Amino acid sequence: MEPRLETVAGLPTALRRWGDGPPVVLLHGVPTSGWLWSRLGPRLAAAGFGVLAPDLPGLGQSARPQRWTLDAYGAWLEALLDPMGPTHLVGQDFGGLVAAWGASRGLARSLCLVSCPLSRVWWGAKVTARPPLRGPLYRWFAGRLYVMSAVQPSAREALSSGLELGTRDLALRMEAIALALDPAQIAALPERLPPGLRTLLLWGTDDRMFGLRHARSTQRALPGAVLRTISGARHGLPFDHAAAAAAELIPLLKGR
């Protein structure tokens, strides 16, 4: 499905939609786009939900934001959700941080974090966005290393086909997001989530970016959160393990 451009918080934003029903918002990570959800979104729609998968500002086909901070992304999310009210929020990688930010402001009916730890481990992204690591990890490959490690080899070509990879412009945007991260703010998010919020942590057993120990530490920080793992899945599990992800996610969305 090709995204449609709409204005959100003054920014042209690319949106993919599937189905009609209780709203579910899917937020991708860096350096992907709403394309990450192109296999999971239709499955959730078939289960009776209205699914919205935006390209985050500065990624995919959405316009660059003026600021790259988590608070700025949160303000954009508030504007996106304003017509809907509290909704089911699902976020992968950096999109999980944006979803958790929204949940901390009362914007979530439920929360699912996919391969997204809520801890200071994100300092590593800031380190790699500075010299000397910035060159090989960002500017030389600009997202291509991500695809190589995030999904199984059989899915790499399909994932890459819907993404912008390998450009200097993408590398600069990836760096801007990484450098704006505040690990202390991220680590404080668990204590700011509403008590009793139904929360699912969804992780691949073979995640090479944030391993299962980060899933377990996030679960300890979120009393009541349920951790589910998908065997053989990596960091980009919504794309190449969409059926298994839907099987874990739909019960949360239906309140089971």
Foldseek 3Di string as FASTA:
>chain_A
DFFDWDAFPNKTKTKDKAADAAEEEEEEAPPAFLLLQVLQRNVVRVVPYIYMGIGQDLYQPIHHDPAQALVVSLNRVCRVCVVPAAGAYEYAAVRLLSQLSCQLVVRHLAYEYEPYFQALPLVVLLVCLDPPNLVPPQQAKNCLVCLVQQFDPVCSVVRVVRGDINDNSSSVSSSRNSNNYDRVVSNCSQVSGDPPHAYEYEYECRAPPRHVVSVVVRCVSHDPYHYDYDYPGYRSCCRVVSVVVNVVVVCVNVVD
